Amino acid sequence: MDINTENTPKSPSLVDALVPTATLIALLGLSVYLFGDDSSYGANQIVLILSGAVAVVIGLKNGMHWNTLEQSIYDGIRIALGAILILLCVGMLIGSWILAGTVPAMIYFGLQILDPSWFYGAACVMSALVALCIGSSWTTAGTVGVGLIGTAAGLGVSMEVTAGAVVSGAYFGDKLSPLSETTNLAPAVTGVDLFDHIRHLSWTTLPAFWIALLIFLWMGTGVEHSTESEQMQQIQVLLEQHFNLSTLLLLPLLLVLILAWRKVPAMASILIGALTGAVFAIVFQRDNLLAFANAPELPVALQLFKAVWISLFNGYELNTGNGVIDSLLSRGGMSSMLNTVWLIICAMMFGAVMEKTGLLAKLIQGVLGMVRSTGSLIVATICTCIGTNIVAGDQYISIILPGRMFKLEFANRGLDALNLSRSIEDGGTITSPLIPWNTCGAYMAATLGVATLAYLPYAFFNLLGPLIAIVYGYANIKIRPLTLQEMDRVKTSAVHQNQ
């Protein structure tokens, strides 16, 4: 095997495709066993690199050129650069918003208006409404989600359940919003109308959301007030002592939501929000900035500038003596996102090699061989999307690749492509935040400060969506058939696309 010899690659076998996948699963299991919740802080990255190396060796064995595989890695990482830059900007935003008092104000006022008995349901609904309006689960989590997590800690309720409620609401709103990138991508890949897709998707999405919301409300009724009123008052007093609080500090949040609603790109919206937070910090938190900069030898203007600068690249650190508040508000900065960036790069390396070597497509073909009915086709599509999320580590690939691979099969079985577009959303988009090394799972964990596997059991909407879609498939509920004319057109289009 010469890595520099140009050969005509041969098609991989199913065994070839299973080897790196089995390696990934086995090593991930060992990683979790050895390192527990800390596995995403380096151990999982090694797993992804080693599994990718196995896929590279199989590609070389099958006659692929090293330069081709290397270029595929670069291309795969390039796909994730947008997500990486957004992550870094979110780190800046969190740091500057804490320093400005925006996040403390969200916690402070949240403690005043929200009650533990219905907090989980409220967190889910608030996240859903924001995401529905702006079409971005990421922006929702990075803005209102951060505030809700802080409020949960202040109320003494579970931050893991709260994170699950935020993720559930954010992805529900994202799925039904015509402003969402993935909601536009799924119909584009399958060749259906956007609003037809949203209407068809609502048949699985709405029941999943209502059931999830009822569960959150039910869980809230059993919440004990672990934080006594005196402790809550202490938290509010500490916030008042360390920050100048007013409703004006919520304006950066409002600005970001308006920018997102006006379809300003996510990275630009978040960066503008971060810089606005920096300005608000200088205007409203002058004494706090001078103390944080700890550089009395400098002119006041430079001290203020230094404090803001530190918050953008290294976050903010608060020392009140109250562990809850200190842990919540001592975070942010670009540096806080570097571990997540590391995880995404390793995941994209593995996914890119699996796709370039044809191993991912081979796995999908193996799944197609087990399809016998409409229900099993829906199951195969959803499982493939979930598997692609696991293997490729990116929700966009989990939409595009299965969408292209299954399009002809749906037409051959007389099924409208709307069924496919709905299935890849139910299986791909909403399960992406449940996988720690997926770009979405890594983002949510880094932004909300709750590990992916910790909030996973409580992301009820994301767990229920695929199950409801499978039930619909086997029960033939809202499964739209193709007309003969549409069938011929879709088959011809799919054949040309795959050529």
Protein backbone atom coordinates (compact mmCIF):
# COMPACT_ATOMS: atom_id res chain seq x y z
CA MET A 1 0.00 0.00 0.00
CA ASP A 2 1.72 3.15 -1.28
CA ILE A 3 0.04 6.33 -0.05
CA ASN A 4 1.49 8.27 -2.97
CA THR A 5 0.50 5.89 -5.76
CA GLU A 6 -2.47 6.91 -7.89
CA ASN A 7 -4.84 3.96 -8.36
CA THR A 8 -8.35 3.48 -9.62
CA PRO A 9 -10.29 3.20 -6.35
CA LYS A 10 -12.51 0.20 -5.88
CA SER A 11 -15.85 0.37 -4.20
CA PRO A 12 -15.73 -0.33 -0.46
CA SER A 13 -17.42 -3.39 0.97
CA LEU A 14 -19.94 -3.35 3.78
CA VAL A 15 -17.25 -4.79 6.06
CA ASP A 16 -15.00 -1.85 5.11
CA ALA A 17 -17.75 0.55 6.14
CA LEU A 18 -18.44 -1.24 9.42
CA VAL A 19 -14.82 -1.33 10.65
CA PRO A 20 -14.33 2.42 11.33
CA THR A 21 -17.92 2.68 12.58
CA ALA A 22 -17.39 -0.18 15.03
CA THR A 23 -14.08 1.38 16.05
CA LEU A 24 -15.84 4.67 16.76
CA ILE A 25 -18.59 3.05 18.83
CA ALA A 26 -16.21 0.84 20.82
CA LEU A 27 -13.75 3.63 21.61
CA LEU A 28 -16.54 6.06 22.51
CA GLY A 29 -17.95 3.52 24.94
CA LEU A 30 -14.49 3.04 26.47
CA SER A 31 -14.02 6.81 26.62
CA VAL A 32 -17.25 7.32 28.55
CA TYR A 33 -16.38 4.40 30.85
CA LEU A 34 -12.92 5.75 31.66
CA PHE A 35 -13.59 9.49 31.73
CA GLY A 36 -17.33 9.87 32.35
CA ASP A 37 -18.66 13.38 31.82
CA ASP A 38 -15.13 14.62 31.12
CA SER A 39 -14.83 12.48 27.98
CA SER A 40 -15.65 15.44 25.71
CA TYR A 41 -12.66 17.36 27.07
CA GLY A 42 -10.10 15.52 24.96
CA ALA A 43 -10.84 11.80 25.10
CA ASN A 44 -13.62 11.86 22.47
CA GLN A 45 -11.44 13.98 20.20
CA ILE A 46 -8.79 11.24 20.22
CA VAL A 47 -11.50 8.67 19.46
CA LEU A 48 -12.61 10.63 16.39
CA ILE A 49 -9.05 11.07 15.14
CA LEU A 50 -8.22 7.36 15.57
CA SER A 51 -11.49 6.28 13.90
CA GLY A 52 -10.76 8.68 11.06
CA ALA A 53 -7.29 7.16 10.71
CA VAL A 54 -8.88 3.72 10.36
CA ALA A 55 -11.13 5.07 7.59
CA VAL A 56 -8.08 6.58 5.86
CA VAL A 57 -6.28 3.22 5.92
CA ILE A 58 -9.33 1.54 4.35
CA GLY A 59 -9.46 4.24 1.67
CA LEU A 60 -5.77 3.69 0.87
CA LYS A 61 -6.36 -0.07 0.77
CA ASN A 62 -9.10 0.49 -1.79
CA GLY A 63 -6.78 2.50 -4.04
CA MET A 64 -7.48 6.08 -3.05
CA HIS A 65 -4.64 8.61 -3.17
CA TRP A 66 -3.40 10.16 0.07
CA ASN A 67 -3.63 13.66 -1.36
CA THR A 68 -7.29 13.07 -2.19
CA LEU A 69 -8.06 11.95 1.34
CA GLU A 70 -6.08 14.81 2.84
CA GLN A 71 -7.95 17.33 0.70
CA SER A 72 -11.28 15.81 1.79
CA ILE A 73 -10.30 16.44 5.40
CA TYR A 74 -9.54 20.08 4.63
CA ASP A 75 -12.86 20.39 2.78
CA GLY A 76 -14.76 18.78 5.64
CA ILE A 77 -13.26 21.12 8.21
CA ARG A 78 -13.97 24.05 5.89
CA ILE A 79 -17.68 23.13 6.03
CA ALA A 80 -17.59 23.62 9.79
CA LEU A 81 -15.74 26.94 9.74
CA GLY A 82 -18.99 28.89 9.83
CA ALA A 83 -20.11 27.03 12.95
CA ILE A 84 -16.67 27.52 14.54
CA LEU A 85 -16.71 31.26 13.94
CA ILE A 86 -20.25 31.51 15.34
CA LEU A 87 -19.08 29.62 18.43
CA LEU A 88 -16.22 32.05 18.98
CA CYS A 89 -18.58 35.00 18.55
CA VAL A 90 -21.01 33.44 21.06
CA GLY A 91 -18.12 33.19 23.53
CA MET A 92 -17.48 36.90 23.03
CA LEU A 93 -21.18 37.67 23.43
CA ILE A 94 -21.53 35.76 26.71
CA GLY A 95 -18.43 37.42 28.15
CA SER A 96 -19.46 40.96 27.19
CA TRP A 97 -23.11 40.43 28.20
CA ILE A 98 -22.11 39.27 31.67
CA LEU A 99 -19.78 42.23 32.07
CA ALA A 100 -22.47 44.60 30.75
CA GLY A 101 -25.04 43.24 33.19
CA THR A 102 -27.32 41.86 30.47
CA VAL A 103 -27.12 38.24 31.64
CA PRO A 104 -27.32 39.25 35.35
CA ALA A 105 -30.40 41.35 34.49
CA MET A 106 -32.01 38.37 32.74
CA ILE A 107 -31.41 36.27 35.86
CA TYR A 108 -32.53 39.03 38.23
CA PHE A 109 -35.83 39.75 36.50
CA GLY A 110 -36.37 36.07 35.75
CA LEU A 111 -36.24 35.29 39.46
CA GLN A 112 -38.94 37.90 40.02
CA ILE A 113 -41.44 36.74 37.42
CA LEU A 114 -40.87 32.98 37.05
CA ASP A 115 -42.03 30.33 39.50
CA PRO A 116 -40.43 26.87 39.91
CA SER A 117 -43.79 25.10 39.51
CA TRP A 118 -44.13 26.14 35.87
CA PHE A 119 -40.59 27.20 35.05
CA TYR A 120 -39.70 24.23 32.80
CA GLY A 121 -42.80 24.73 30.69
CA ALA A 122 -42.19 28.47 30.48
CA ALA A 123 -38.57 27.91 29.41
CA CYS A 124 -39.75 25.57 26.65
CA VAL A 125 -42.43 27.97 25.39
CA MET A 126 -40.18 31.04 25.54
CA SER A 127 -37.46 29.26 23.57
CA ALA A 128 -40.01 28.01 21.04
CA LEU A 129 -41.50 31.45 20.43
CA VAL A 130 -38.10 33.11 20.00
CA ALA A 131 -36.86 30.38 17.64
CA LEU A 132 -40.09 30.49 15.64
CA CYS A 133 -39.67 34.24 15.14
CA ILE A 134 -35.97 34.26 14.26
CA GLY A 135 -35.52 30.78 12.77
CA SER A 136 -32.36 29.92 14.69
CA SER A 137 -32.02 27.39 17.50
CA TRP A 138 -28.40 28.45 18.00
CA THR A 139 -29.20 32.14 18.49
CA THR A 140 -32.08 31.23 20.79
CA ALA A 141 -29.84 29.12 23.01
CA GLY A 142 -27.07 31.73 22.99
CA THR A 143 -29.37 34.53 24.12
CA VAL A 144 -32.53 33.64 26.06
CA GLY A 145 -31.19 30.15 26.77
CA VAL A 146 -28.23 31.51 28.72
CA GLY A 147 -30.55 33.68 30.81
CA LEU A 148 -32.96 30.80 31.49
CA ILE A 149 -30.11 28.57 32.69
CA GLY A 150 -29.05 31.31 35.10
CA THR A 151 -32.61 31.76 36.33
CA ALA A 152 -32.89 28.00 36.88
CA ALA A 153 -29.87 28.06 39.16
CA GLY A 154 -31.32 31.00 41.06
CA LEU A 155 -34.65 29.25 41.53
CA GLY A 156 -32.93 26.06 42.63
CA VAL A 157 -34.42 23.92 39.85
CA SER A 158 -32.53 21.48 37.63
CA MET A 159 -30.27 23.11 35.06
CA GLU A 160 -30.19 19.82 33.12
CA VAL A 161 -33.99 19.77 32.75
CA THR A 162 -33.93 23.48 31.90
CA ALA A 163 -31.34 22.87 29.19
CA GLY A 164 -33.57 20.08 27.83
CA ALA A 165 -36.52 22.49 27.79
CA VAL A 166 -34.48 25.16 26.01
CA VAL A 167 -33.22 22.68 23.40
CA SER A 168 -36.74 21.27 22.92
CA GLY A 169 -38.33 24.68 22.44
CA ALA A 170 -35.50 26.02 20.30
CA TYR A 171 -35.63 23.12 17.86
CA PHE A 172 -39.42 23.12 17.69
CA GLY A 173 -39.45 26.79 16.72
CA ASP A 174 -36.54 26.27 14.35
CA LYS A 175 -38.37 23.46 12.53
CA LEU A 176 -41.56 25.40 11.86
CA SER A 177 -39.90 28.70 10.99
CA PRO A 178 -39.54 29.60 7.29
CA LEU A 179 -36.46 31.60 8.34
CA SER A 180 -34.55 28.49 9.44
CA GLU A 181 -31.63 27.32 7.31
CA THR A 182 -32.33 23.61 7.83
CA THR A 183 -36.06 24.07 7.24
CA ASN A 184 -35.14 25.59 3.87
CA LEU A 185 -32.43 23.01 3.15
CA ALA A 186 -34.61 19.89 3.55
CA PRO A 187 -37.20 20.84 0.89
CA ALA A 188 -34.43 22.14 -1.38
CA VAL A 189 -32.64 18.76 -1.28
CA THR A 190 -35.84 16.79 -1.87
CA GLY A 191 -37.39 19.18 -4.41
CA VAL A 192 -40.56 20.20 -2.56
CA ASP A 193 -42.12 23.57 -1.74
CA LEU A 194 -40.97 25.17 1.53
CA PHE A 195 -44.43 25.90 2.94
CA ASP A 196 -45.77 22.50 1.86
CA HIS A 197 -42.82 21.02 3.75
CA ILE A 198 -43.61 23.04 6.90
CA ARG A 199 -47.28 22.04 6.78
CA HIS A 200 -46.39 18.37 6.33
CA LEU A 201 -43.72 18.57 9.04
CA SER A 202 -46.19 20.06 11.51
CA TRP A 203 -48.07 16.73 11.69
CA THR A 204 -45.16 15.15 13.57
CA THR A 205 -43.65 18.29 15.10
CA LEU A 206 -46.74 19.68 16.86
CA PRO A 207 -47.69 16.45 18.69
CA ALA A 208 -44.08 15.97 19.81
CA PHE A 209 -43.98 19.53 21.15
CA TRP A 210 -47.31 19.35 22.99
CA ILE A 211 -46.37 16.06 24.64
CA ALA A 212 -42.97 17.48 25.61
CA LEU A 213 -44.60 20.61 27.03
CA LEU A 214 -47.04 18.55 29.11
CA ILE A 215 -44.13 16.54 30.49
CA PHE A 216 -42.26 19.72 31.43
CA LEU A 217 -45.35 21.14 33.15
CA TRP A 218 -45.90 17.86 34.98
CA MET A 219 -42.25 17.79 36.11
CA GLY A 220 -42.64 21.33 37.40
CA THR A 221 -45.48 20.34 39.73
CA GLY A 222 -43.12 18.02 41.58
CA VAL A 223 -40.28 20.52 41.93
CA GLU A 224 -39.31 21.23 45.50
CA HIS A 225 -38.18 24.74 46.29
CA SER A 226 -34.61 23.70 47.05
CA THR A 227 -33.65 27.34 47.09
CA GLU A 228 -35.39 29.04 49.99
CA SER A 229 -36.79 32.52 49.56
CA GLU A 230 -33.97 33.91 51.72
CA GLN A 231 -31.40 32.37 49.41
CA MET A 232 -33.16 33.74 46.35
CA GLN A 233 -33.21 37.16 47.95
CA GLN A 234 -29.52 36.80 48.71
CA ILE A 235 -28.81 36.08 45.04
CA GLN A 236 -30.80 39.13 43.98
CA VAL A 237 -29.01 41.30 46.55
CA LEU A 238 -25.62 40.08 45.33
CA LEU A 239 -26.57 40.87 41.74
CA GLU A 240 -27.66 44.35 42.78
CA GLN A 241 -24.39 44.87 44.66
CA HIS A 242 -22.14 43.87 41.79
CA PHE A 243 -24.08 45.22 38.82
CA ASN A 244 -26.10 48.31 38.01
CA LEU A 245 -29.31 46.59 36.95
CA SER A 246 -32.15 48.00 34.84
CA THR A 247 -34.41 46.87 32.01
CA LEU A 248 -32.24 48.91 29.62
CA LEU A 249 -29.63 46.16 29.90
CA LEU A 250 -31.99 43.85 27.99
CA LEU A 251 -31.64 45.99 24.85
CA PRO A 252 -28.64 44.01 23.49
CA LEU A 253 -30.82 40.88 23.66
CA LEU A 254 -33.64 42.65 21.83
CA LEU A 255 -31.20 43.92 19.21
CA VAL A 256 -29.86 40.44 18.45
CA LEU A 257 -33.38 39.00 18.15
CA ILE A 258 -34.41 41.78 15.77
CA LEU A 259 -31.30 41.26 13.64
CA ALA A 260 -31.97 37.53 13.47
CA TRP A 261 -35.62 38.14 12.58
CA ARG A 262 -34.49 40.46 9.78
CA LYS A 263 -32.35 37.55 8.51
CA VAL A 264 -29.01 39.20 9.23
CA PRO A 265 -26.46 36.31 9.17
CA ALA A 266 -26.03 34.62 12.54
CA MET A 267 -22.33 35.41 12.90
CA ALA A 268 -22.88 39.09 12.13
CA SER A 269 -25.88 39.31 14.49
CA ILE A 270 -24.02 37.71 17.37
CA LEU A 271 -20.86 39.77 16.79
CA ILE A 272 -22.93 42.97 16.76
CA GLY A 273 -24.60 41.81 19.97
CA ALA A 274 -21.21 41.15 21.58
CA LEU A 275 -19.88 44.59 20.65
CA THR A 276 -23.11 46.23 21.79
CA GLY A 277 -22.64 44.47 25.11
CA ALA A 278 -19.13 45.90 25.32
CA VAL A 279 -20.50 49.42 24.83
CA PHE A 280 -23.21 48.84 27.45
CA ALA A 281 -20.58 47.59 29.87
CA ILE A 282 -18.62 50.83 29.55
CA VAL A 283 -21.77 52.96 29.91
CA PHE A 284 -23.53 51.11 32.76
CA GLN A 285 -20.86 49.13 34.66
CA ARG A 286 -17.93 51.56 34.93
CA ASP A 287 -16.92 50.69 38.51
CA ASN A 288 -17.22 46.98 37.80
CA LEU A 289 -14.94 47.33 34.79
CA LEU A 290 -12.29 49.23 36.74
CA ALA A 291 -12.25 46.51 39.40
CA PHE A 292 -12.15 43.74 36.81
CA ALA A 293 -9.28 45.36 34.87
CA ASN A 294 -7.22 45.64 38.10
CA ALA A 295 -4.79 48.06 36.46
CA PRO A 296 -4.88 51.32 38.45
CA GLU A 297 -1.60 52.45 36.89
CA LEU A 298 -3.36 52.89 33.55
CA PRO A 299 -5.55 55.84 32.51
CA VAL A 300 -9.23 55.20 33.20
CA ALA A 301 -10.10 54.93 29.50
CA LEU A 302 -7.49 52.21 29.03
CA GLN A 303 -8.68 50.38 32.15
CA LEU A 304 -12.21 50.26 30.75
CA PHE A 305 -10.93 49.12 27.38
CA LYS A 306 -8.78 46.42 28.99
CA ALA A 307 -11.71 45.03 30.99
CA VAL A 308 -13.91 44.80 27.90
CA TRP A 309 -11.06 43.25 25.93
CA ILE A 310 -10.53 40.55 28.59
CA SER A 311 -14.25 39.72 28.66
CA LEU A 312 -14.25 39.18 24.89
CA PHE A 313 -11.32 36.77 24.73
CA ASN A 314 -11.29 35.22 28.21
CA GLY A 315 -14.73 35.90 29.67
CA TYR A 316 -15.68 37.39 33.01
CA GLU A 317 -14.86 36.21 36.53
CA LEU A 318 -17.07 37.06 39.49
CA ASN A 319 -16.19 36.48 43.15
CA THR A 320 -19.17 37.07 45.44
CA GLY A 321 -18.69 34.11 47.78
CA ASN A 322 -21.93 32.58 46.48
CA GLY A 323 -21.00 29.46 44.53
CA VAL A 324 -24.16 29.42 42.39
CA ILE A 325 -23.80 32.97 41.09
CA ASP A 326 -20.02 32.78 40.76
CA SER A 327 -20.18 29.62 38.62
CA LEU A 328 -22.90 31.08 36.40
CA LEU A 329 -21.29 34.44 35.82
CA SER A 330 -17.64 33.39 35.66
CA ARG A 331 -17.65 32.25 32.05
CA GLY A 332 -17.68 33.35 28.44
CA GLY A 333 -14.96 34.61 26.14
CA MET A 334 -13.58 33.05 22.97
CA SER A 335 -11.24 30.86 25.00
CA SER A 336 -14.20 29.07 26.61
CA MET A 337 -15.18 27.71 23.19
CA LEU A 338 -11.79 26.29 22.18
CA ASN A 339 -12.47 22.78 23.51
CA THR A 340 -15.70 22.71 21.51
CA VAL A 341 -13.87 23.93 18.41
CA TRP A 342 -11.35 21.12 18.89
CA LEU A 343 -14.19 18.60 19.12
CA ILE A 344 -15.89 19.89 15.96
CA ILE A 345 -12.65 19.82 13.93
CA CYS A 346 -11.99 16.18 14.91
CA ALA A 347 -15.60 15.18 14.18
CA MET A 348 -15.54 16.82 10.75
CA MET A 349 -12.24 15.11 9.94
CA PHE A 350 -13.79 11.71 10.64
CA GLY A 351 -17.03 12.49 8.80
CA ALA A 352 -15.23 13.89 5.76
CA VAL A 353 -13.06 10.77 5.33
CA MET A 354 -16.07 8.48 5.78
CA GLU A 355 -17.93 10.35 3.06
CA LYS A 356 -15.01 10.65 0.61
CA THR A 357 -14.07 6.98 0.84
CA GLY A 358 -17.67 5.98 0.10
CA LEU A 359 -17.97 4.23 3.46
CA LEU A 360 -20.89 6.39 4.58
CA ALA A 361 -22.80 5.77 1.34
CA LYS A 362 -22.11 2.06 1.71
CA LEU A 363 -23.66 2.06 5.16
CA ILE A 364 -26.75 3.76 3.75
CA GLN A 365 -27.00 1.22 0.93
CA GLY A 366 -26.82 -1.55 3.52
CA VAL A 367 -29.76 0.03 5.33
CA LEU A 368 -31.77 0.24 2.09
CA GLY A 369 -31.36 -3.48 1.63
CA MET A 370 -33.45 -4.07 4.74
CA VAL A 371 -36.43 -1.93 3.60
CA ARG A 372 -39.63 -3.90 3.05
CA SER A 373 -42.53 -1.48 3.68
CA THR A 374 -43.38 2.20 3.98
CA GLY A 375 -42.90 2.00 7.71
CA SER A 376 -39.49 0.35 7.39
CA LEU A 377 -38.49 2.95 4.76
CA ILE A 378 -39.33 5.75 7.20
CA VAL A 379 -37.39 3.93 9.92
CA ALA A 380 -34.44 3.43 7.57
CA THR A 381 -34.43 7.12 6.62
CA ILE A 382 -34.61 8.32 10.22
CA CYS A 383 -31.97 5.85 11.42
CA THR A 384 -29.71 6.85 8.54
CA CYS A 385 -30.06 10.52 9.46
CA ILE A 386 -29.27 9.75 13.10
CA GLY A 387 -26.35 7.57 12.06
CA THR A 388 -25.05 10.30 9.77
CA ASN A 389 -25.28 12.74 12.65
CA ILE A 390 -23.18 10.34 14.72
CA VAL A 391 -20.64 9.50 12.02
CA ALA A 392 -20.37 12.80 10.15
CA GLY A 393 -20.95 15.07 13.15
CA ASP A 394 -22.91 17.69 11.20
CA GLN A 395 -26.65 18.24 10.78
CA TYR A 396 -26.31 19.59 7.24
CA ILE A 397 -24.69 16.37 6.03
CA SER A 398 -27.44 14.39 7.82
CA ILE A 399 -29.98 16.25 5.69
CA ILE A 400 -28.20 16.39 2.33
CA LEU A 401 -26.73 12.89 2.06
CA PRO A 402 -29.80 10.82 3.11
CA GLY A 403 -32.04 13.23 1.18
CA ARG A 404 -30.16 12.46 -2.03
CA MET A 405 -29.70 8.74 -1.34
CA PHE A 406 -33.35 8.02 -0.50
CA LYS A 407 -35.06 10.28 -3.03
CA LEU A 408 -35.33 7.66 -5.78
CA GLU A 409 -36.40 4.95 -3.32
CA PHE A 410 -39.37 7.06 -2.12
CA ALA A 411 -40.40 7.65 -5.75
CA ASN A 412 -40.08 3.93 -6.58
CA ARG A 413 -42.48 3.18 -3.76
CA GLY A 414 -44.98 5.81 -4.90
CA LEU A 415 -44.36 8.17 -2.00
CA ASP A 416 -44.32 11.95 -2.28
CA ALA A 417 -40.96 13.60 -1.55
CA LEU A 418 -42.71 15.52 1.26
CA ASN A 419 -42.53 12.31 3.27
CA LEU A 420 -38.78 12.26 2.74
CA SER A 421 -38.26 15.93 3.59
CA ARG A 422 -40.22 15.45 6.81
CA SER A 423 -38.32 12.29 7.71
CA ILE A 424 -34.87 13.82 7.30
CA GLU A 425 -35.93 16.70 9.54
CA ASP A 426 -37.41 14.33 12.14
CA GLY A 427 -34.34 12.10 12.03
CA GLY A 428 -31.53 14.51 11.19
CA THR A 429 -32.15 18.05 12.35
CA ILE A 430 -33.77 17.52 15.73
CA THR A 431 -31.44 14.70 16.84
CA SER A 432 -28.25 16.65 16.08
CA PRO A 433 -28.11 18.39 19.51
CA LEU A 434 -28.25 14.99 21.24
CA ILE A 435 -24.80 13.91 20.03
CA PRO A 436 -21.87 15.37 22.01
CA TRP A 437 -19.43 15.66 19.08
CA ASN A 438 -21.99 16.86 16.55
CA THR A 439 -21.65 20.58 15.82
CA CYS A 440 -25.10 21.18 17.34
CA GLY A 441 -24.56 19.05 20.45
CA ALA A 442 -21.16 20.63 21.05
CA TYR A 443 -22.61 24.11 20.58
CA MET A 444 -25.53 23.60 22.96
CA ALA A 445 -23.28 22.13 25.66
CA ALA A 446 -20.75 24.95 25.38
CA THR A 447 -23.38 27.70 25.27
CA LEU A 448 -25.71 26.45 28.00
CA GLY A 449 -22.94 25.10 30.21
CA VAL A 450 -24.66 21.71 30.54
CA ALA A 451 -23.11 18.55 29.06
CA THR A 452 -24.94 17.07 26.08
CA LEU A 453 -25.47 13.68 27.74
CA ALA A 454 -26.73 15.47 30.87
CA TYR A 455 -29.59 17.29 29.09
CA LEU A 456 -30.25 14.52 26.54
CA PRO A 457 -32.79 12.60 28.70
CA TYR A 458 -34.81 15.82 29.08
CA ALA A 459 -34.81 16.99 25.46
CA PHE A 460 -38.25 15.42 25.14
CA PHE A 461 -39.23 17.08 21.87
CA ASN A 462 -36.05 15.89 20.18
CA LEU A 463 -36.53 12.35 21.48
CA LEU A 464 -40.23 12.14 20.69
CA GLY A 465 -40.08 13.55 17.13
CA PRO A 466 -38.42 10.52 15.50
CA LEU A 467 -40.64 8.09 17.44
CA ILE A 468 -43.84 9.81 16.33
CA ALA A 469 -42.59 9.87 12.72
CA ILE A 470 -41.96 6.11 12.88
CA VAL A 471 -45.45 5.47 14.29
CA TYR A 472 -46.93 7.55 11.46
CA GLY A 473 -44.95 5.50 8.94
CA TYR A 474 -46.17 2.12 10.15
CA ALA A 475 -49.74 3.33 10.77
CA ASN A 476 -49.78 5.11 7.37
CA ILE A 477 -50.82 8.38 9.03
CA LYS A 478 -50.31 11.49 6.89
CA ILE A 479 -48.17 9.58 4.37
CA ARG A 480 -48.75 11.34 1.06
CA PRO A 481 -48.66 9.21 -2.14
CA LEU A 482 -47.36 10.31 -5.54
CA THR A 483 -49.47 10.59 -8.67
CA LEU A 484 -48.19 8.65 -11.70
CA GLN A 485 -47.14 11.88 -13.41
CA GLU A 486 -45.26 13.07 -10.33
CA MET A 487 -43.63 9.64 -9.97
CA ASP A 488 -42.13 9.76 -13.46
CA ARG A 489 -40.90 13.31 -12.96
CA VAL A 490 -39.25 12.58 -9.59
CA LYS A 491 -37.59 9.41 -10.86
CA THR A 492 -36.11 11.23 -13.84
CA SER A 493 -34.89 14.07 -11.61
CA ALA A 494 -33.36 11.70 -9.06
CA VAL A 495 -31.54 9.68 -11.73
CA HIS A 496 -29.99 12.87 -13.17
CA GLN A 497 -29.00 14.05 -9.67
CA ASN A 498 -27.21 10.81 -8.83
CA GLN A 499 -25.34 10.64 -12.14
